[in-house]
Amino acid sequence: KIKEYQQTEKRIKSRRIRNWKQYGVVHDNFDELYEKYINTEHCELCSIPLTVDKYNTSTTRCLDHDHSTGLFRNVLCHSCNTKRR
């Protein structure tokens, strides 16, 4: 039963939001931010189609944020996100 719960959409969402907070992401509405993240299909910088992968590839969907303020900037591919730091 625990393994089944870990694969539910609710659990995946709560784990992702918890990770964002641990990384220092600041946002007024994490539910709204999660919906934007999930529904963004193309990188907001280079327009490449985004993928969801177990391990990061150049097209893996990433949440970009300013590391000094924590504020969300864009949903990007992993490639654009690593160049922007």
PDB file of N, CA and C in Angstrom:
ATOM      1  N   LYS A   1       0.814  -1.210   0.000  1.00  0.00           N
ATOM      2  CA  LYS A   1       0.000   0.000   0.000  1.00  0.00           C
ATOM      3  C   LYS A   1       0.851   1.266   0.000  1.00  0.00           C
ATOM      4  N   ILE A   2       1.959   1.256   0.710  1.00  0.00           N
ATOM      5  CA  ILE A   2       2.828   2.440   0.743  1.00  0.00           C
ATOM      6  C   ILE A   2       3.373   2.715  -0.652  1.00  0.00           C
ATOM      7  N   LYS A   3       3.838   1.682  -1.341  1.00  0.00           N
ATOM      8  CA  LYS A   3       4.385   1.853  -2.685  1.00  0.00           C
ATOM      9  C   LYS A   3       3.320   2.391  -3.639  1.00  0.00           C
ATOM     10  N   GLU A   4       2.074   1.917  -3.492  1.00  0.00           N
ATOM     11  CA  GLU A   4       0.981   2.413  -4.333  1.00  0.00           C
ATOM     12  C   GLU A   4       0.759   3.905  -4.092  1.00  0.00           C
ATOM     13  N   TYR A   5       0.774   4.333  -2.816  1.00  0.00           N
ATOM     14  CA  TYR A   5       0.572   5.742  -2.498  1.00  0.00           C
ATOM     15  C   TYR A   5       1.685   6.604  -3.071  1.00  0.00           C
ATOM     16  N   GLN A   6       2.913   6.122  -3.025  1.00  0.00           N
ATOM     17  CA  GLN A   6       4.054   6.904  -3.516  1.00  0.00           C
ATOM     18  C   GLN A   6       3.947   7.204  -4.998  1.00  0.00           C
ATOM     19  N   GLN A   7       3.183   6.415  -5.731  1.00  0.00           N
ATOM     20  CA  GLN A   7       3.034   6.619  -7.170  1.00  0.00           C
ATOM     21  C   GLN A   7       1.800   7.446  -7.524  1.00  0.00           C
ATOM     22  N   THR A   8       1.017   7.849  -6.540  1.00  0.00           N
ATOM     23  CA  THR A   8      -0.182   8.628  -6.836  1.00  0.00           C
ATOM     24  C   THR A   8       0.194  10.058  -7.215  1.00  0.00           C
ATOM     25  N   GLU A   9      -0.672  10.692  -7.978  1.00  0.00           N
ATOM     26  CA  GLU A   9      -0.436  12.068  -8.409  1.00  0.00           C
ATOM     27  C   GLU A   9      -0.293  13.009  -7.212  1.00  0.00           C
ATOM     28  N   LYS A  10      -1.109  12.789  -6.180  1.00  0.00           N
ATOM     29  CA  LYS A  10      -1.051  13.631  -4.975  1.00  0.00           C
ATOM     30  C   LYS A  10       0.318  13.532  -4.301  1.00  0.00           C
ATOM     31  N   ARG A  11       0.845  12.332  -4.187  1.00  0.00           N
ATOM     32  CA  ARG A  11       2.153  12.122  -3.545  1.00  0.00           C
ATOM     33  C   ARG A  11       3.285  12.714  -4.390  1.00  0.00           C
ATOM     34  N   ILE A  12       3.216  12.510  -5.694  1.00  0.00           N
ATOM     35  CA  ILE A  12       4.240  13.046  -6.588  1.00  0.00           C
ATOM     36  C   ILE A  12       4.254  14.573  -6.492  1.00  0.00           C
ATOM     37  N   LYS A  13       3.076  15.184  -6.483  1.00  0.00           N
ATOM     38  CA  LYS A  13       2.973  16.646  -6.372  1.00  0.00           C
ATOM     39  C   LYS A  13       3.538  17.129  -5.044  1.00  0.00           C
ATOM     40  N   SER A  14       3.161  16.507  -3.942  1.00  0.00           N
ATOM     41  CA  SER A  14       3.636  16.966  -2.629  1.00  0.00           C
ATOM     42  C   SER A  14       5.141  16.806  -2.500  1.00  0.00           C
ATOM     43  N   ARG A  15       5.692  15.719  -3.059  1.00  0.00           N
ATOM     44  CA  ARG A  15       7.151  15.511  -3.007  1.00  0.00           C
ATOM     45  C   ARG A  15       7.880  16.560  -3.834  1.00  0.00           C
ATOM     46  N   ARG A  16       7.351  16.876  -5.016  1.00  0.00           N
ATOM     47  CA  ARG A  16       7.982  17.873  -5.879  1.00  0.00           C
ATOM     48  C   ARG A  16       7.973  19.248  -5.195  1.00  0.00           C
ATOM     49  N   ILE A  17       6.838  19.652  -4.627  1.00  0.00           N
ATOM     50  CA  ILE A  17       6.743  20.955  -3.953  1.00  0.00           C
ATOM     51  C   ILE A  17       7.676  20.994  -2.746  1.00  0.00           C
ATOM     52  N   ARG A  18       7.739  19.909  -1.990  1.00  0.00           N
ATOM     53  CA  ARG A  18       8.658  19.853  -0.843  1.00  0.00           C
ATOM     54  C   ARG A  18      10.101  20.046  -1.318  1.00  0.00           C
ATOM     55  N   ASN A  19      10.477  19.409  -2.425  1.00  0.00           N
ATOM     56  CA  ASN A  19      11.835  19.556  -2.964  1.00  0.00           C
ATOM     57  C   ASN A  19      12.103  20.989  -3.392  1.00  0.00           C
ATOM     58  N   TRP A  20      11.139  21.633  -4.054  1.00  0.00           N
ATOM     59  CA  TRP A  20      11.321  23.025  -4.457  1.00  0.00           C
ATOM     60  C   TRP A  20      11.594  23.901  -3.246  1.00  0.00           C
ATOM     61  N   LYS A  21      10.826  23.698  -2.191  1.00  0.00           N
ATOM     62  CA  LYS A  21      11.017  24.499  -0.967  1.00  0.00           C
ATOM     63  C   LYS A  21      12.394  24.245  -0.370  1.00  0.00           C
ATOM     64  N   GLN A  22      12.849  22.993  -0.387  1.00  0.00           N
ATOM     65  CA  GLN A  22      14.185  22.667   0.134  1.00  0.00           C
ATOM     66  C   GLN A  22      15.277  23.321  -0.702  1.00  0.00           C
ATOM     67  N   TYR A  23      15.041  23.469  -2.018  1.00  0.00           N
ATOM     68  CA  TYR A  23      16.000  24.137  -2.900  1.00  0.00           C
ATOM     69  C   TYR A  23      15.948  25.649  -2.765  1.00  0.00           C
ATOM     70  N   GLY A  24      14.982  26.163  -1.982  1.00  0.00           N
ATOM     71  CA  GLY A  24      14.908  27.596  -1.743  1.00  0.00           C
ATOM     72  C   GLY A  24      13.977  28.360  -2.661  1.00  0.00           C
ATOM     73  N   VAL A  25      13.124  27.654  -3.412  1.00  0.00           N
ATOM     74  CA  VAL A  25      12.177  28.327  -4.300  1.00  0.00           C
ATOM     75  C   VAL A  25      11.148  29.072  -3.452  1.00  0.00           C
ATOM     76  N   VAL A  26      10.878  30.314  -3.832  1.00  0.00           N
ATOM     77  CA  VAL A  26       9.902  31.152  -3.137  1.00  0.00           C
ATOM     78  C   VAL A  26       8.757  31.433  -4.106  1.00  0.00           C
ATOM     79  N   HIS A  27       7.535  31.194  -3.652  1.00  0.00           N
ATOM     80  CA  HIS A  27       6.357  31.470  -4.484  1.00  0.00           C
ATOM     81  C   HIS A  27       5.148  31.638  -3.581  1.00  0.00           C
ATOM     82  N   ASP A  28       4.198  32.474  -4.006  1.00  0.00           N
ATOM     83  CA  ASP A  28       2.988  32.717  -3.214  1.00  0.00           C
ATOM     84  C   ASP A  28       2.020  31.545  -3.250  1.00  0.00           C
ATOM     85  N   ASN A  29       1.991  30.808  -4.360  1.00  0.00           N
ATOM     86  CA  ASN A  29       1.008  29.743  -4.525  1.00  0.00           C
ATOM     87  C   ASN A  29       1.674  28.538  -5.197  1.00  0.00           C
ATOM     88  N   PHE A  30       2.125  27.584  -4.386  1.00  0.00           N
ATOM     89  CA  PHE A  30       2.828  26.425  -4.931  1.00  0.00           C
ATOM     90  C   PHE A  30       1.913  25.515  -5.746  1.00  0.00           C
ATOM     91  N   ASP A  31       0.617  25.478  -5.431  1.00  0.00           N
ATOM     92  CA  ASP A  31      -0.311  24.684  -6.244  1.00  0.00           C
ATOM     93  C   ASP A  31      -0.383  25.245  -7.663  1.00  0.00           C
ATOM     94  N   GLU A  32      -0.469  26.555  -7.761  1.00  0.00           N
ATOM     95  CA  GLU A  32      -0.507  27.230  -9.066  1.00  0.00           C
ATOM     96  C   GLU A  32       0.818  27.015  -9.819  1.00  0.00           C
ATOM     97  N   LEU A  33       1.917  27.114  -9.106  1.00  0.00           N
ATOM     98  CA  LEU A  33       3.231  26.910  -9.706  1.00  0.00           C
ATOM     99  C   LEU A  33       3.368  25.476 -10.224  1.00  0.00           C
ATOM    100  N   TYR A  34       2.884  24.519  -9.453  1.00  0.00           N
ATOM    101  CA  TYR A  34       2.948  23.123  -9.880  1.00  0.00           C
ATOM    102  C   TYR A  34       2.141  22.905 -11.158  1.00  0.00           C
ATOM    103  N   GLU A  35       0.957  23.512 -11.241  1.00  0.00           N
ATOM    104  CA  GLU A  35       0.127  23.377 -12.444  1.00  0.00           C
ATOM    105  C   GLU A  35       0.848  23.953 -13.667  1.00  0.00           C
ATOM    106  N   LYS A  36       1.505  25.097 -13.485  1.00  0.00           N
ATOM    107  CA  LYS A  36       2.274  25.688 -14.588  1.00  0.00           C
ATOM    108  C   LYS A  36       3.407  24.750 -14.993  1.00  0.00           C
ATOM    109  N   TYR A  37       4.106  24.218 -14.017  1.00  0.00           N
ATOM    110  CA  TYR A  37       5.225  23.308 -14.265  1.00  0.00           C
ATOM    111  C   TYR A  37       4.753  22.071 -15.049  1.00  0.00           C
ATOM    112  N   ILE A  38       3.680  21.460 -14.598  1.00  0.00           N
ATOM    113  CA  ILE A  38       3.166  20.239 -15.221  1.00  0.00           C
ATOM    114  C   ILE A  38       2.641  20.511 -16.633  1.00  0.00           C
ATOM    115  N   ASN A  39       2.019  21.660 -16.840  1.00  0.00           N
ATOM    116  CA  ASN A  39       1.360  21.950 -18.115  1.00  0.00           C
ATOM    117  C   ASN A  39       2.248  22.645 -19.145  1.00  0.00           C
ATOM    118  N   THR A  40       3.464  23.016 -18.772  1.00  0.00           N
ATOM    119  CA  THR A  40       4.380  23.636 -19.729  1.00  0.00           C
ATOM    120  C   THR A  40       5.022  22.526 -20.559  1.00  0.00           C
ATOM    121  N   GLU A  41       4.781  22.553 -21.840  1.00  0.00           N
ATOM    122  CA  GLU A  41       5.239  21.475 -22.722  1.00  0.00           C
ATOM    123  C   GLU A  41       6.524  21.796 -23.469  1.00  0.00           C
ATOM    124  N   HIS A  42       6.896  23.088 -23.522  1.00  0.00           N
ATOM    125  CA  HIS A  42       8.113  23.496 -24.247  1.00  0.00           C
ATOM    126  C   HIS A  42       8.935  24.432 -23.358  1.00  0.00           C
ATOM    127  N   CYS A  43      10.245  24.337 -23.501  1.00  0.00           N
ATOM    128  CA  CYS A  43      11.151  25.215 -22.765  1.00  0.00           C
ATOM    129  C   CYS A  43      10.804  26.668 -23.068  1.00  0.00           C
ATOM    130  N   GLU A  44      10.726  27.489 -22.030  1.00  0.00           N
ATOM    131  CA  GLU A  44      10.340  28.884 -22.209  1.00  0.00           C
ATOM    132  C   GLU A  44      11.486  29.754 -22.735  1.00  0.00           C
ATOM    133  N   LEU A  45      12.667  29.169 -22.950  1.00  0.00           N
ATOM    134  CA  LEU A  45      13.767  29.900 -23.585  1.00  0.00           C
ATOM    135  C   LEU A  45      14.030  29.412 -25.003  1.00  0.00           C
ATOM    136  N   CYS A  46      14.206  28.106 -25.176  1.00  0.00           N
ATOM    137  CA  CYS A  46      14.595  27.592 -26.498  1.00  0.00           C
ATOM    138  C   CYS A  46      13.458  26.889 -27.249  1.00  0.00           C
ATOM    139  N   SER A  47      12.331  26.706 -26.617  1.00  0.00           N
ATOM    140  CA  SER A  47      11.112  26.110 -27.204  1.00  0.00           C
ATOM    141  C   SER A  47      11.209  24.627 -27.543  1.00  0.00           C
ATOM    142  N   ILE A  48      12.246  23.944 -27.088  1.00  0.00           N
ATOM    143  CA  ILE A  48      12.345  22.502 -27.323  1.00  0.00           C
ATOM    144  C   ILE A  48      11.258  21.786 -26.509  1.00  0.00           C
ATOM    145  N   PRO A  49      10.688  20.695 -27.033  1.00  0.00           N
ATOM    146  CA  PRO A  49       9.704  19.935 -26.252  1.00  0.00           C
ATOM    147  C   PRO A  49      10.346  19.371 -24.978  1.00  0.00           C
ATOM    148  N   LEU A  50       9.652  19.520 -23.865  1.00  0.00           N
ATOM    149  CA  LEU A  50      10.165  19.056 -22.581  1.00  0.00           C
ATOM    150  C   LEU A  50       9.803  17.599 -22.345  1.00  0.00           C
ATOM    151  N   THR A  51      10.675  16.889 -21.639  1.00  0.00           N
ATOM    152  CA  THR A  51      10.444  15.498 -21.290  1.00  0.00           C
ATOM    153  C   THR A  51      10.483  15.332 -19.779  1.00  0.00           C
ATOM    154  N   VAL A  52       9.938  14.222 -19.321  1.00  0.00           N
ATOM    155  CA  VAL A  52      10.023  13.843 -17.911  1.00  0.00           C
ATOM    156  C   VAL A  52      10.838  12.563 -17.893  1.00  0.00           C
ATOM    157  N   ASP A  53      12.000  12.616 -17.282  1.00  0.00           N
ATOM    158  CA  ASP A  53      12.930  11.490 -17.306  1.00  0.00           C
ATOM    159  C   ASP A  53      13.341  11.112 -15.894  1.00  0.00           C
ATOM    160  N   LYS A  54      13.688   9.843 -15.709  1.00  0.00           N
ATOM    161  CA  LYS A  54      14.166   9.392 -14.402  1.00  0.00           C
ATOM    162  C   LYS A  54      15.503  10.072 -14.064  1.00  0.00           C
ATOM    163  N   TYR A  55      16.350  10.219 -15.074  1.00  0.00           N
ATOM    164  CA  TYR A  55      17.633  10.913 -14.900  1.00  0.00           C
ATOM    165  C   TYR A  55      17.639  12.114 -15.836  1.00  0.00           C
ATOM    166  N   ASN A  56      18.317  13.175 -15.440  1.00  0.00           N
ATOM    167  CA  ASN A  56      18.327  14.388 -16.250  1.00  0.00           C
ATOM    168  C   ASN A  56      18.955  14.156 -17.623  1.00  0.00           C
ATOM    169  N   THR A  57      18.232  14.608 -18.642  1.00  0.00           N
ATOM    170  CA  THR A  57      18.754  14.674 -19.998  1.00  0.00           C
ATOM    171  C   THR A  57      18.683  16.147 -20.395  1.00  0.00           C
ATOM    172  N   SER A  58      19.153  16.499 -21.555  1.00  0.00           N
ATOM    173  CA  SER A  58      19.137  17.912 -21.959  1.00  0.00           C
ATOM    174  C   SER A  58      17.715  18.461 -22.074  1.00  0.00           C
ATOM    175  N   THR A  59      16.719  17.605 -22.279  1.00  0.00           N
ATOM    176  CA  THR A  59      15.340  18.070 -22.464  1.00  0.00           C
ATOM    177  C   THR A  59      14.455  17.885 -21.229  1.00  0.00           C
ATOM    178  N   THR A  60      15.010  17.411 -20.131  1.00  0.00           N
ATOM    179  CA  THR A  60      14.220  17.203 -18.920  1.00  0.00           C
ATOM    180  C   THR A  60      13.649  18.524 -18.410  1.00  0.00           C
ATOM    181  N   ARG A  61      12.375  18.513 -18.051  1.00  0.00           N
ATOM    182  CA  ARG A  61      11.682  19.707 -17.524  1.00  0.00           C
ATOM    183  C   ARG A  61      12.279  20.105 -16.175  1.00  0.00           C
ATOM    184  N   CYS A  62      12.601  21.403 -16.030  1.00  0.00           N
ATOM    185  CA  CYS A  62      13.182  21.938 -14.793  1.00  0.00           C
ATOM    186  C   CYS A  62      12.464  23.222 -14.385  1.00  0.00           C
ATOM    187  N   LEU A  63      12.408  23.450 -13.095  1.00  0.00           N
ATOM    188  CA  LEU A  63      11.866  24.700 -12.564  1.00  0.00           C
ATOM    189  C   LEU A  63      13.048  25.626 -12.302  1.00  0.00           C
ATOM    190  N   ASP A  64      13.132  26.716 -13.038  1.00  0.00           N
ATOM    191  CA  ASP A  64      14.240  27.661 -12.894  1.00  0.00           C
ATOM    192  C   ASP A  64      13.869  28.717 -11.860  1.00  0.00           C
ATOM    193  N   HIS A  65      14.823  29.015 -10.976  1.00  0.00           N
ATOM    194  CA  HIS A  65      14.612  30.078  -9.980  1.00  0.00           C
ATOM    195  C   HIS A  65      15.920  30.820  -9.749  1.00  0.00           C
ATOM    196  N   ASP A  66      15.783  32.048  -9.272  1.00  0.00           N
ATOM    197  CA  ASP A  66      16.943  32.877  -8.949  1.00  0.00           C
ATOM    198  C   ASP A  66      17.534  32.347  -7.641  1.00  0.00           C
ATOM    199  N   HIS A  67      18.787  31.953  -7.668  1.00  0.00           N
ATOM    200  CA  HIS A  67      19.396  31.344  -6.488  1.00  0.00           C
ATOM    201  C   HIS A  67      19.648  32.335  -5.353  1.00  0.00           C
ATOM    202  N   SER A  68      19.693  33.623  -5.644  1.00  0.00           N
ATOM    203  CA  SER A  68      19.908  34.586  -4.560  1.00  0.00           C
ATOM    204  C   SER A  68      18.596  35.009  -3.898  1.00  0.00           C
ATOM    205  N   THR A  69      17.511  35.123  -4.673  1.00  0.00           N
ATOM    206  CA  THR A  69      16.224  35.546  -4.092  1.00  0.00           C
ATOM    207  C   THR A  69      15.260  34.381  -3.885  1.00  0.00           C
ATOM    208  N   GLY A  70      15.464  33.290  -4.614  1.00  0.00           N
ATOM    209  CA  GLY A  70      14.564  32.142  -4.536  1.00  0.00           C
ATOM    210  C   GLY A  70      13.344  32.255  -5.428  1.00  0.00           C
ATOM    211  N   LEU A  71      13.183  33.387  -6.106  1.00  0.00           N
ATOM    212  CA  LEU A  71      11.986  33.616  -6.906  1.00  0.00           C
ATOM    213  C   LEU A  71      11.985  32.792  -8.191  1.00  0.00           C
ATOM    214  N   PHE A  72      10.828  32.210  -8.494  1.00  0.00           N
ATOM    215  CA  PHE A  72      10.623  31.441  -9.715  1.00  0.00           C
ATOM    216  C   PHE A  72      10.831  32.336 -10.926  1.00  0.00           C
ATOM    217  N   ARG A  73      11.490  31.780 -11.974  1.00  0.00           N
ATOM    218  CA  ARG A  73      11.671  32.521 -13.218  1.00  0.00           C
ATOM    219  C   ARG A  73      10.935  31.864 -14.376  1.00  0.00           C
ATOM    220  N   ASN A  74      11.263  30.604 -14.680  1.00  0.00           N
ATOM    221  CA  ASN A  74      10.699  29.943 -15.856  1.00  0.00           C
ATOM    222  C   ASN A  74      10.670  28.435 -15.671  1.00  0.00           C
ATOM    223  N   VAL A  75       9.931  27.780 -16.565  1.00  0.00           N
ATOM    224  CA  VAL A  75      10.029  26.331 -16.728  1.00  0.00           C
ATOM    225  C   VAL A  75      10.921  26.126 -17.946  1.00  0.00           C
ATOM    226  N   LEU A  76      12.054  25.458 -17.727  1.00  0.00           N
ATOM    227  CA  LEU A  76      13.077  25.321 -18.772  1.00  0.00           C
ATOM    228  C   LEU A  76      13.474  23.866 -18.973  1.00  0.00           C
ATOM    229  N   CYS A  77      14.150  23.613 -20.086  1.00  0.00           N
ATOM    230  CA  CYS A  77      14.804  22.317 -20.272  1.00  0.00           C
ATOM    231  C   CYS A  77      16.062  22.318 -19.387  1.00  0.00           C
ATOM    232  N   HIS A  78      16.546  21.134 -19.082  1.00  0.00           N
ATOM    233  CA  HIS A  78      17.725  21.019 -18.227  1.00  0.00           C
ATOM    234  C   HIS A  78      18.926  21.759 -18.821  1.00  0.00           C
ATOM    235  N   SER A  79      19.059  21.701 -20.128  1.00  0.00           N
ATOM    236  CA  SER A  79      20.169  22.368 -20.804  1.00  0.00           C
ATOM    237  C   SER A  79      20.144  23.879 -20.558  1.00  0.00           C
ATOM    238  N   CYS A  80      19.016  24.524 -20.788  1.00  0.00           N
ATOM    239  CA  CYS A  80      18.896  25.976 -20.562  1.00  0.00           C
ATOM    240  C   CYS A  80      19.030  26.321 -19.081  1.00  0.00           C
ATOM    241  N   ASN A  81      18.499  25.463 -18.227  1.00  0.00           N
ATOM    242  CA  ASN A  81      18.559  25.730 -16.792  1.00  0.00           C
ATOM    243  C   ASN A  81      20.001  25.726 -16.279  1.00  0.00           C
ATOM    244  N   THR A  82      20.819  24.792 -16.756  1.00  0.00           N
ATOM    245  CA  THR A  82      22.204  24.732 -16.280  1.00  0.00           C
ATOM    246  C   THR A  82      23.040  25.893 -16.838  1.00  0.00           C
ATOM    247  N   LYS A  83      22.689  26.387 -18.016  1.00  0.00           N
ATOM    248  CA  LYS A  83      23.405  27.536 -18.585  1.00  0.00           C
ATOM    249  C   LYS A  83      23.063  28.834 -17.867  1.00  0.00           C
ATOM    250  N   ARG A  84      21.900  28.895 -17.242  1.00  0.00           N
ATOM    251  CA  ARG A  84      21.385  30.134 -16.663  1.00  0.00           C
ATOM    252  C   ARG A  84      21.863  30.402 -15.241  1.00  0.00           C
ATOM    253  N   ARG A  85      22.436  29.440 -14.580  1.00  0.00           N
ATOM    254  CA  ARG A  85      22.811  29.607 -13.172  1.00  0.00           C
ATOM    255  C   ARG A  85      23.726  30.720 -13.029  1.00  0.00           C
TER     256      ARG A  85
END
